[in-house]
Amino acid sequence: AVTVLVDASSSMRHRPDGEQTLIEQANVCALAFAKGLEKSRVATEVIYYGENDDDNFLAYTAKSFDQTCIPNNFAVQARGPSTPTGEAMSFALNNLVLRREKRKLFILLTDGDPDSKQSVLRAREIAQAFHIAVVPIGIGTDVVKGFENGEFVTINDPSQLTNALKEAVRSRLFN
């Protein structure tokens, strides 16, 4: 089972190539990735985060584990000014923990710093306790805060995102 958690905070509106924003590129990649895993019969969930409303974390599920891919669900716009990464990870891990599959992979796509490094560390502890492999992929950053001592992948060009996702699955789920 694979969960892909996508940062949809306002910083994802950045246009590094002058054409597509980071969120538009992440949307295309997340959809293609989910479709590919779906064809391979790998249970997949895609969740977007990036907004707090009156101290409540908000998430949007573009594809649940039991749902087929619907392309229009992946037309997410970057919105909130906050990046509640740890809270989003904990939320997404709740569904993944309950899956029956032996191997579980959690992929985090983000371009910025989390609001709270401590909440990210707590979420990592949950993943570790349930033997869930976590692969953070930093877009246009050298560090994914909360993962300094762990494995993470950074990409400078969002066009590298698809290959980074494929490699994460190949190295962490199928090995």
N, C-alpha and C. Protein backbone atom coordinates (compact mmCIF):
# COMPACT_ATOMS: atom_id res chain seq x y z
N ALA A 1 0.86 -1.19 0.00
CA ALA A 1 0.00 0.00 0.00
C ALA A 1 0.89 1.23 0.00
N VAL A 2 0.47 2.25 -0.72
CA VAL A 2 1.25 3.48 -0.84
C VAL A 2 0.35 4.68 -0.57
N THR A 3 0.83 5.58 0.28
CA THR A 3 0.18 6.87 0.47
C THR A 3 1.12 7.95 -0.05
N VAL A 4 0.58 8.84 -0.87
CA VAL A 4 1.33 10.00 -1.35
C VAL A 4 0.68 11.22 -0.72
N LEU A 5 1.48 11.97 0.02
CA LEU A 5 1.02 13.19 0.69
C LEU A 5 1.66 14.38 -0.01
N VAL A 6 0.83 15.30 -0.52
CA VAL A 6 1.32 16.40 -1.34
C VAL A 6 1.10 17.73 -0.64
N ASP A 7 2.16 18.50 -0.52
CA ASP A 7 2.11 19.85 0.04
C ASP A 7 1.38 20.76 -0.93
N ALA A 8 0.29 21.37 -0.47
CA ALA A 8 -0.46 22.31 -1.31
C ALA A 8 -0.49 23.68 -0.65
N SER A 9 0.60 24.02 0.05
CA SER A 9 0.68 25.33 0.68
C SER A 9 0.96 26.39 -0.39
N SER A 10 0.82 27.63 -0.02
CA SER A 10 0.93 28.72 -1.00
C SER A 10 2.29 28.78 -1.69
N SER A 11 3.34 28.28 -1.06
CA SER A 11 4.66 28.31 -1.70
C SER A 11 4.72 27.39 -2.92
N MET A 12 3.77 26.49 -3.05
CA MET A 12 3.73 25.60 -4.22
C MET A 12 3.21 26.32 -5.46
N ARG A 13 2.89 27.60 -5.34
CA ARG A 13 2.49 28.41 -6.51
C ARG A 13 3.70 28.87 -7.32
N HIS A 14 4.90 28.64 -6.81
CA HIS A 14 6.12 29.07 -7.48
C HIS A 14 6.22 28.44 -8.87
N ARG A 15 6.72 29.21 -9.85
CA ARG A 15 6.89 28.75 -11.23
C ARG A 15 8.38 28.71 -11.58
N PRO A 16 9.08 27.64 -11.26
CA PRO A 16 10.52 27.60 -11.54
C PRO A 16 10.86 27.59 -13.03
N ASP A 17 9.97 27.04 -13.85
CA ASP A 17 10.25 26.95 -15.28
C ASP A 17 9.52 28.02 -16.08
N GLY A 18 8.79 28.91 -15.39
CA GLY A 18 8.06 29.96 -16.07
C GLY A 18 6.75 29.52 -16.68
N GLU A 19 6.45 28.23 -16.60
CA GLU A 19 5.22 27.74 -17.21
C GLU A 19 4.28 27.13 -16.18
N GLN A 20 4.63 25.99 -15.61
CA GLN A 20 3.78 25.33 -14.64
C GLN A 20 4.24 25.65 -13.22
N THR A 21 3.26 25.79 -12.31
CA THR A 21 3.61 25.95 -10.90
C THR A 21 4.05 24.60 -10.35
N LEU A 22 4.67 24.63 -9.18
CA LEU A 22 5.07 23.38 -8.54
C LEU A 22 3.85 22.50 -8.27
N ILE A 23 2.74 23.11 -7.83
CA ILE A 23 1.55 22.31 -7.54
C ILE A 23 0.98 21.70 -8.82
N GLU A 24 1.02 22.41 -9.93
CA GLU A 24 0.52 21.85 -11.18
C GLU A 24 1.38 20.65 -11.60
N GLN A 25 2.68 20.77 -11.43
CA GLN A 25 3.57 19.66 -11.76
C GLN A 25 3.36 18.49 -10.80
N ALA A 26 3.16 18.80 -9.51
CA ALA A 26 2.91 17.75 -8.53
C ALA A 26 1.58 17.05 -8.83
N ASN A 27 0.57 17.81 -9.27
CA ASN A 27 -0.73 17.22 -9.61
C ASN A 27 -0.59 16.21 -10.75
N VAL A 28 0.09 16.60 -11.80
CA VAL A 28 0.28 15.71 -12.96
C VAL A 28 1.04 14.45 -12.54
N CYS A 29 2.08 14.65 -11.77
CA CYS A 29 2.90 13.52 -11.33
C CYS A 29 2.11 12.60 -10.40
N ALA A 30 1.38 13.17 -9.43
CA ALA A 30 0.61 12.36 -8.48
C ALA A 30 -0.46 11.54 -9.20
N LEU A 31 -1.12 12.15 -10.18
CA LEU A 31 -2.13 11.43 -10.95
C LEU A 31 -1.50 10.28 -11.74
N ALA A 32 -0.42 10.56 -12.45
CA ALA A 32 0.24 9.52 -13.24
C ALA A 32 0.76 8.39 -12.34
N PHE A 33 1.32 8.77 -11.23
CA PHE A 33 1.85 7.80 -10.28
C PHE A 33 0.73 6.92 -9.73
N ALA A 34 -0.38 7.54 -9.32
CA ALA A 34 -1.51 6.79 -8.77
C ALA A 34 -2.10 5.85 -9.83
N LYS A 35 -2.20 6.34 -11.08
CA LYS A 35 -2.72 5.49 -12.15
C LYS A 35 -1.81 4.29 -12.40
N GLY A 36 -0.50 4.53 -12.40
CA GLY A 36 0.46 3.45 -12.60
C GLY A 36 0.38 2.40 -11.51
N LEU A 37 0.29 2.85 -10.27
CA LEU A 37 0.19 1.90 -9.16
C LEU A 37 -1.15 1.17 -9.21
N GLU A 38 -2.19 1.88 -9.59
CA GLU A 38 -3.51 1.27 -9.72
C GLU A 38 -3.49 0.14 -10.75
N LYS A 39 -2.83 0.38 -11.89
CA LYS A 39 -2.71 -0.67 -12.92
C LYS A 39 -1.91 -1.86 -12.42
N SER A 40 -0.98 -1.60 -11.51
CA SER A 40 -0.18 -2.68 -10.92
C SER A 40 -0.87 -3.32 -9.73
N ARG A 41 -2.08 -2.87 -9.45
CA ARG A 41 -2.90 -3.37 -8.34
C ARG A 41 -2.28 -3.10 -6.97
N VAL A 42 -1.60 -1.99 -6.86
CA VAL A 42 -1.06 -1.54 -5.58
C VAL A 42 -2.06 -0.55 -5.00
N ALA A 43 -2.53 -0.82 -3.79
CA ALA A 43 -3.48 0.08 -3.13
C ALA A 43 -2.80 1.43 -2.91
N THR A 44 -3.46 2.50 -3.36
CA THR A 44 -2.85 3.82 -3.34
C THR A 44 -3.83 4.86 -2.84
N GLU A 45 -3.31 5.80 -2.06
CA GLU A 45 -4.09 6.94 -1.60
C GLU A 45 -3.26 8.19 -1.85
N VAL A 46 -3.92 9.27 -2.30
CA VAL A 46 -3.24 10.55 -2.52
C VAL A 46 -4.00 11.62 -1.74
N ILE A 47 -3.26 12.30 -0.86
CA ILE A 47 -3.85 13.32 0.01
C ILE A 47 -3.06 14.61 -0.15
N TYR A 48 -3.77 15.73 -0.22
CA TYR A 48 -3.15 17.06 -0.28
C TYR A 48 -3.37 17.76 1.05
N TYR A 49 -2.40 18.58 1.43
CA TYR A 49 -2.52 19.37 2.66
C TYR A 49 -1.89 20.74 2.44
N GLY A 50 -2.13 21.65 3.36
CA GLY A 50 -1.47 22.95 3.27
C GLY A 50 -2.29 24.07 3.83
N GLU A 51 -3.24 23.74 4.66
CA GLU A 51 -4.10 24.79 5.18
C GLU A 51 -4.55 24.46 6.59
N ASN A 52 -4.58 25.46 7.41
CA ASN A 52 -5.18 25.37 8.74
C ASN A 52 -6.33 26.34 8.78
N ASP A 53 -7.43 25.95 9.38
CA ASP A 53 -8.59 26.82 9.51
C ASP A 53 -8.96 26.85 10.99
N ASP A 54 -8.72 27.99 11.63
CA ASP A 54 -9.00 28.13 13.07
C ASP A 54 -8.33 27.01 13.86
N ASP A 55 -7.08 26.79 13.60
CA ASP A 55 -6.26 25.78 14.28
C ASP A 55 -6.67 24.35 13.97
N ASN A 56 -7.50 24.13 12.95
CA ASN A 56 -7.85 22.79 12.52
C ASN A 56 -7.14 22.52 11.20
N PHE A 57 -6.49 21.39 11.13
CA PHE A 57 -5.79 20.98 9.92
C PHE A 57 -6.82 20.54 8.87
N LEU A 58 -6.65 20.98 7.63
CA LEU A 58 -7.54 20.61 6.54
C LEU A 58 -6.78 19.76 5.52
N ALA A 59 -7.42 18.69 5.05
CA ALA A 59 -6.82 17.81 4.05
C ALA A 59 -7.84 17.52 2.97
N TYR A 60 -7.34 17.19 1.81
CA TYR A 60 -8.19 16.83 0.68
C TYR A 60 -7.68 15.50 0.12
N THR A 61 -8.54 14.51 0.05
CA THR A 61 -8.17 13.21 -0.50
C THR A 61 -8.56 13.18 -1.97
N ALA A 62 -7.56 13.17 -2.84
CA ALA A 62 -7.79 13.12 -4.27
C ALA A 62 -8.11 11.70 -4.73
N LYS A 63 -7.53 10.72 -4.03
CA LYS A 63 -7.81 9.32 -4.33
C LYS A 63 -7.69 8.52 -3.04
N SER A 64 -8.77 7.87 -2.66
CA SER A 64 -8.72 7.00 -1.48
C SER A 64 -8.26 5.61 -1.92
N PHE A 65 -7.95 4.78 -0.96
CA PHE A 65 -7.48 3.43 -1.28
C PHE A 65 -8.50 2.65 -2.08
N ASP A 66 -9.78 2.83 -1.81
CA ASP A 66 -10.83 2.04 -2.44
C ASP A 66 -11.45 2.69 -3.67
N GLN A 67 -10.89 3.80 -4.10
CA GLN A 67 -11.44 4.57 -5.21
C GLN A 67 -10.51 4.45 -6.43
N THR A 68 -11.08 4.51 -7.62
CA THR A 68 -10.23 4.57 -8.81
C THR A 68 -9.85 6.03 -9.06
N CYS A 69 -8.82 6.22 -9.84
CA CYS A 69 -8.33 7.57 -10.15
C CYS A 69 -9.36 8.34 -10.98
N ILE A 70 -9.64 9.54 -10.55
CA ILE A 70 -10.50 10.46 -11.29
C ILE A 70 -9.65 11.70 -11.56
N PRO A 71 -9.25 11.91 -12.82
CA PRO A 71 -8.32 13.00 -13.13
C PRO A 71 -8.72 14.37 -12.57
N ASN A 72 -10.00 14.70 -12.60
CA ASN A 72 -10.43 16.01 -12.09
C ASN A 72 -10.15 16.20 -10.60
N ASN A 73 -10.01 15.10 -9.87
CA ASN A 73 -9.70 15.20 -8.44
C ASN A 73 -8.28 15.69 -8.19
N PHE A 74 -7.45 15.68 -9.23
CA PHE A 74 -6.05 16.08 -9.09
C PHE A 74 -5.79 17.49 -9.61
N ALA A 75 -6.82 18.28 -9.73
CA ALA A 75 -6.69 19.67 -10.18
C ALA A 75 -6.65 20.60 -8.97
N VAL A 76 -5.75 20.31 -8.05
CA VAL A 76 -5.66 21.03 -6.78
C VAL A 76 -4.85 22.32 -6.96
N GLN A 77 -5.32 23.37 -6.34
CA GLN A 77 -4.61 24.65 -6.34
C GLN A 77 -3.94 24.84 -4.98
N ALA A 78 -2.76 25.43 -4.98
CA ALA A 78 -2.08 25.76 -3.72
C ALA A 78 -2.88 26.84 -3.02
N ARG A 79 -3.02 26.73 -1.71
CA ARG A 79 -3.83 27.68 -1.01
C ARG A 79 -3.25 28.20 0.29
N GLY A 80 -3.27 27.45 1.33
CA GLY A 80 -2.97 27.96 2.66
C GLY A 80 -1.56 28.46 2.86
N PRO A 81 -1.41 29.44 3.74
CA PRO A 81 -0.08 29.98 4.02
C PRO A 81 0.74 29.11 4.96
N SER A 82 0.13 28.12 5.58
CA SER A 82 0.86 27.28 6.52
C SER A 82 1.23 25.96 5.87
N THR A 83 2.14 25.27 6.53
CA THR A 83 2.58 23.96 6.04
C THR A 83 2.53 22.97 7.21
N PRO A 84 1.32 22.46 7.54
CA PRO A 84 1.16 21.56 8.67
C PRO A 84 1.57 20.12 8.34
N THR A 85 2.83 19.95 8.00
CA THR A 85 3.32 18.66 7.52
C THR A 85 3.13 17.53 8.52
N GLY A 86 3.53 17.76 9.75
CA GLY A 86 3.42 16.70 10.77
C GLY A 86 1.99 16.28 11.00
N GLU A 87 1.09 17.25 11.08
CA GLU A 87 -0.32 16.94 11.28
C GLU A 87 -0.87 16.16 10.08
N ALA A 88 -0.47 16.56 8.88
CA ALA A 88 -0.92 15.87 7.68
C ALA A 88 -0.36 14.45 7.63
N MET A 89 0.89 14.28 8.02
CA MET A 89 1.47 12.95 8.04
C MET A 89 0.71 12.04 9.01
N SER A 90 0.43 12.54 10.21
CA SER A 90 -0.31 11.74 11.20
C SER A 90 -1.68 11.35 10.67
N PHE A 91 -2.36 12.31 10.06
CA PHE A 91 -3.67 12.05 9.47
C PHE A 91 -3.59 10.95 8.42
N ALA A 92 -2.67 11.07 7.50
CA ALA A 92 -2.54 10.10 6.41
C ALA A 92 -2.07 8.73 6.92
N LEU A 93 -1.22 8.73 7.92
CA LEU A 93 -0.75 7.46 8.48
C LEU A 93 -1.87 6.67 9.13
N ASN A 94 -2.88 7.34 9.64
CA ASN A 94 -4.01 6.64 10.26
C ASN A 94 -4.65 5.66 9.28
N ASN A 95 -4.84 6.06 8.04
CA ASN A 95 -5.42 5.17 7.03
C ASN A 95 -4.45 4.08 6.62
N LEU A 96 -3.19 4.44 6.44
CA LEU A 96 -2.19 3.48 5.97
C LEU A 96 -1.94 2.38 7.01
N VAL A 97 -1.93 2.74 8.27
CA VAL A 97 -1.70 1.77 9.35
C VAL A 97 -2.75 0.66 9.31
N LEU A 98 -3.96 1.00 8.95
CA LEU A 98 -5.06 0.03 8.97
C LEU A 98 -5.08 -0.91 7.76
N ARG A 99 -4.25 -0.64 6.77
CA ARG A 99 -4.21 -1.49 5.58
C ARG A 99 -3.65 -2.86 5.92
N ARG A 100 -4.13 -3.89 5.19
CA ARG A 100 -3.70 -5.28 5.44
C ARG A 100 -2.41 -5.66 4.72
N GLU A 101 -1.99 -4.86 3.75
CA GLU A 101 -0.79 -5.20 2.97
C GLU A 101 0.42 -5.31 3.90
N LYS A 102 1.32 -6.22 3.54
CA LYS A 102 2.53 -6.41 4.35
C LYS A 102 3.48 -5.22 4.21
N ARG A 103 3.64 -4.72 3.00
CA ARG A 103 4.57 -3.61 2.76
C ARG A 103 3.78 -2.33 2.57
N LYS A 104 4.27 -1.30 3.27
CA LYS A 104 3.60 0.00 3.21
C LYS A 104 4.63 1.09 3.00
N LEU A 105 4.29 2.01 2.12
CA LEU A 105 5.19 3.10 1.77
C LEU A 105 4.44 4.42 1.88
N PHE A 106 5.11 5.39 2.48
CA PHE A 106 4.55 6.72 2.66
C PHE A 106 5.49 7.70 1.97
N ILE A 107 4.97 8.42 0.97
CA ILE A 107 5.78 9.38 0.23
C ILE A 107 5.27 10.78 0.52
N LEU A 108 6.18 11.66 0.90
CA LEU A 108 5.85 13.05 1.19
C LEU A 108 6.48 13.93 0.13
N LEU A 109 5.66 14.74 -0.56
CA LEU A 109 6.16 15.70 -1.54
C LEU A 109 6.01 17.09 -0.96
N THR A 110 7.13 17.80 -0.77
CA THR A 110 7.06 19.13 -0.17
C THR A 110 8.16 20.02 -0.72
N ASP A 111 7.92 21.32 -0.71
CA ASP A 111 8.93 22.26 -1.16
C ASP A 111 9.41 23.18 -0.04
N GLY A 112 8.81 23.07 1.12
CA GLY A 112 9.16 24.03 2.17
C GLY A 112 9.31 23.40 3.53
N ASP A 113 9.51 24.27 4.49
CA ASP A 113 9.68 23.86 5.88
C ASP A 113 8.32 23.59 6.51
N PRO A 114 8.25 22.59 7.38
CA PRO A 114 7.00 22.35 8.09
C PRO A 114 6.79 23.44 9.15
N ASP A 115 5.54 23.62 9.53
CA ASP A 115 5.24 24.57 10.60
C ASP A 115 5.90 24.14 11.91
N SER A 116 5.96 22.82 12.13
CA SER A 116 6.52 22.29 13.37
C SER A 116 7.35 21.05 13.08
N LYS A 117 8.65 21.17 13.32
CA LYS A 117 9.55 20.03 13.15
C LYS A 117 9.19 18.92 14.13
N GLN A 118 8.76 19.29 15.33
CA GLN A 118 8.42 18.30 16.36
C GLN A 118 7.24 17.43 15.92
N SER A 119 6.25 18.02 15.26
CA SER A 119 5.10 17.22 14.81
C SER A 119 5.52 16.25 13.70
N VAL A 120 6.49 16.65 12.89
CA VAL A 120 7.03 15.74 11.86
C VAL A 120 7.74 14.57 12.54
N LEU A 121 8.54 14.87 13.55
CA LEU A 121 9.26 13.81 14.26
C LEU A 121 8.29 12.84 14.94
N ARG A 122 7.20 13.35 15.51
CA ARG A 122 6.19 12.47 16.12
C ARG A 122 5.55 11.57 15.06
N ALA A 123 5.24 12.13 13.91
CA ALA A 123 4.64 11.34 12.82
C ALA A 123 5.62 10.27 12.33
N ARG A 124 6.89 10.61 12.26
CA ARG A 124 7.90 9.62 11.86
C ARG A 124 7.96 8.47 12.84
N GLU A 125 7.82 8.78 14.14
CA GLU A 125 7.82 7.73 15.17
C GLU A 125 6.64 6.78 14.98
N ILE A 126 5.48 7.33 14.62
CA ILE A 126 4.30 6.50 14.35
C ILE A 126 4.60 5.56 13.17
N ALA A 127 5.13 6.11 12.10
CA ALA A 127 5.45 5.30 10.92
C ALA A 127 6.43 4.20 11.27
N GLN A 128 7.45 4.55 12.02
CA GLN A 128 8.47 3.56 12.40
C GLN A 128 7.86 2.46 13.27
N ALA A 129 6.99 2.83 14.20
CA ALA A 129 6.37 1.85 15.09
C ALA A 129 5.54 0.83 14.31
N PHE A 130 5.00 1.24 13.17
CA PHE A 130 4.17 0.35 12.35
C PHE A 130 4.91 -0.16 11.12
N HIS A 131 6.24 0.00 11.10
CA HIS A 131 7.10 -0.50 10.02
C HIS A 131 6.69 0.03 8.65
N ILE A 132 6.36 1.31 8.60
CA ILE A 132 6.00 1.96 7.35
C ILE A 132 7.21 2.74 6.85
N ALA A 133 7.66 2.43 5.66
CA ALA A 133 8.79 3.15 5.06
C ALA A 133 8.31 4.54 4.65
N VAL A 134 9.08 5.56 5.01
CA VAL A 134 8.74 6.94 4.68
C VAL A 134 9.83 7.51 3.78
N VAL A 135 9.41 8.07 2.64
CA VAL A 135 10.34 8.71 1.72
C VAL A 135 9.90 10.14 1.49
N PRO A 136 10.58 11.10 2.12
CA PRO A 136 10.27 12.49 1.83
C PRO A 136 11.02 12.93 0.58
N ILE A 137 10.31 13.65 -0.28
CA ILE A 137 10.93 14.19 -1.49
C ILE A 137 10.82 15.70 -1.42
N GLY A 138 11.95 16.35 -1.32
CA GLY A 138 12.00 17.81 -1.25
C GLY A 138 12.13 18.40 -2.65
N ILE A 139 11.23 19.30 -3.00
CA ILE A 139 11.25 19.92 -4.32
C ILE A 139 11.92 21.29 -4.19
N GLY A 140 13.07 21.44 -4.81
CA GLY A 140 13.78 22.72 -4.78
C GLY A 140 14.34 23.10 -3.43
N THR A 141 14.67 22.12 -2.63
CA THR A 141 15.24 22.38 -1.30
C THR A 141 16.34 21.37 -1.02
N ASP A 142 17.30 21.77 -0.21
CA ASP A 142 18.39 20.87 0.16
C ASP A 142 18.09 20.05 1.40
N VAL A 143 17.08 20.47 2.16
CA VAL A 143 16.75 19.83 3.44
C VAL A 143 15.25 19.66 3.54
N VAL A 144 14.84 18.53 4.06
CA VAL A 144 13.45 18.31 4.42
C VAL A 144 13.45 18.25 5.94
N LYS A 145 13.03 19.35 6.58
CA LYS A 145 13.11 19.44 8.04
C LYS A 145 12.32 18.33 8.72
N GLY A 146 12.96 17.75 9.72
CA GLY A 146 12.39 16.60 10.40
C GLY A 146 12.95 15.30 9.87
N PHE A 147 13.74 15.39 8.79
CA PHE A 147 14.34 14.22 8.16
C PHE A 147 15.84 14.38 7.98
N GLU A 148 16.45 15.30 8.68
CA GLU A 148 17.88 15.55 8.48
C GLU A 148 18.73 14.31 8.67
N ASN A 149 18.35 13.45 9.61
CA ASN A 149 19.15 12.26 9.89
C ASN A 149 18.60 11.01 9.21
N GLY A 150 17.61 11.18 8.37
CA GLY A 150 17.02 10.04 7.69
C GLY A 150 17.21 10.16 6.20
N GLU A 151 16.67 9.21 5.50
CA GLU A 151 16.78 9.24 4.05
C GLU A 151 15.75 10.21 3.49
N PHE A 152 16.17 11.02 2.56
CA PHE A 152 15.26 11.85 1.81
C PHE A 152 15.86 12.11 0.45
N VAL A 153 15.00 12.45 -0.47
CA VAL A 153 15.39 12.73 -1.84
C VAL A 153 15.09 14.20 -2.09
N THR A 154 16.02 14.90 -2.71
CA THR A 154 15.73 16.28 -3.10
C THR A 154 15.89 16.39 -4.61
N ILE A 155 15.02 17.19 -5.19
CA ILE A 155 15.10 17.44 -6.62
C ILE A 155 15.10 18.94 -6.84
N ASN A 156 15.87 19.39 -7.79
CA ASN A 156 15.92 20.82 -8.10
C ASN A 156 14.96 21.21 -9.20
N ASP A 157 14.61 20.27 -10.03
CA ASP A 157 13.72 20.54 -11.15
C ASP A 157 12.50 19.64 -10.99
N PRO A 158 11.31 20.20 -10.89
CA PRO A 158 10.11 19.38 -10.70
C PRO A 158 9.91 18.32 -11.79
N SER A 159 10.55 18.48 -12.94
CA SER A 159 10.44 17.44 -13.97
C SER A 159 11.10 16.14 -13.51
N GLN A 160 11.94 16.21 -12.48
CA GLN A 160 12.59 15.02 -11.92
C GLN A 160 11.68 14.26 -10.96
N LEU A 161 10.52 14.83 -10.65
CA LEU A 161 9.63 14.27 -9.65
C LEU A 161 9.17 12.86 -9.99
N THR A 162 8.79 12.62 -11.23
CA THR A 162 8.32 11.30 -11.62
C THR A 162 9.38 10.24 -11.39
N ASN A 163 10.61 10.52 -11.79
CA ASN A 163 11.70 9.55 -11.58
C ASN A 163 11.98 9.35 -10.10
N ALA A 164 11.89 10.42 -9.29
CA ALA A 164 12.10 10.30 -7.85
C ALA A 164 11.04 9.41 -7.22
N LEU A 165 9.79 9.55 -7.65
CA LEU A 165 8.72 8.70 -7.14
C LEU A 165 8.93 7.24 -7.54
N LYS A 166 9.27 7.01 -8.80
CA LYS A 166 9.52 5.63 -9.26
C LYS A 166 10.65 4.99 -8.46
N GLU A 167 11.71 5.74 -8.24
CA GLU A 167 12.85 5.21 -7.49
C GLU A 167 12.46 4.93 -6.04
N ALA A 168 11.64 5.78 -5.45
CA ALA A 168 11.19 5.56 -4.07
C ALA A 168 10.43 4.25 -3.96
N VAL A 169 9.53 4.00 -4.89
CA VAL A 169 8.76 2.77 -4.86
C VAL A 169 9.68 1.57 -5.10
N ARG A 170 10.53 1.67 -6.09
CA ARG A 170 11.41 0.56 -6.44
C ARG A 170 12.33 0.21 -5.26
N SER A 171 12.91 1.20 -4.62
CA SER A 171 13.90 0.94 -3.57
C SER A 171 13.29 0.61 -2.23
N ARG A 172 12.13 1.18 -1.90
CA ARG A 172 11.58 1.00 -0.56
C ARG A 172 10.44 0.01 -0.47
N LEU A 173 9.73 -0.21 -1.56
CA LEU A 173 8.56 -1.09 -1.50
C LEU A 173 8.85 -2.46 -2.07
N PHE A 174 9.60 -2.52 -3.16
CA PHE A 174 9.80 -3.79 -3.83
C PHE A 174 11.14 -4.45 -3.54
N ASN A 175 11.98 -3.86 -2.71
CA ASN A 175 13.26 -4.49 -2.33
C ASN A 175 13.16 -5.12 -0.96
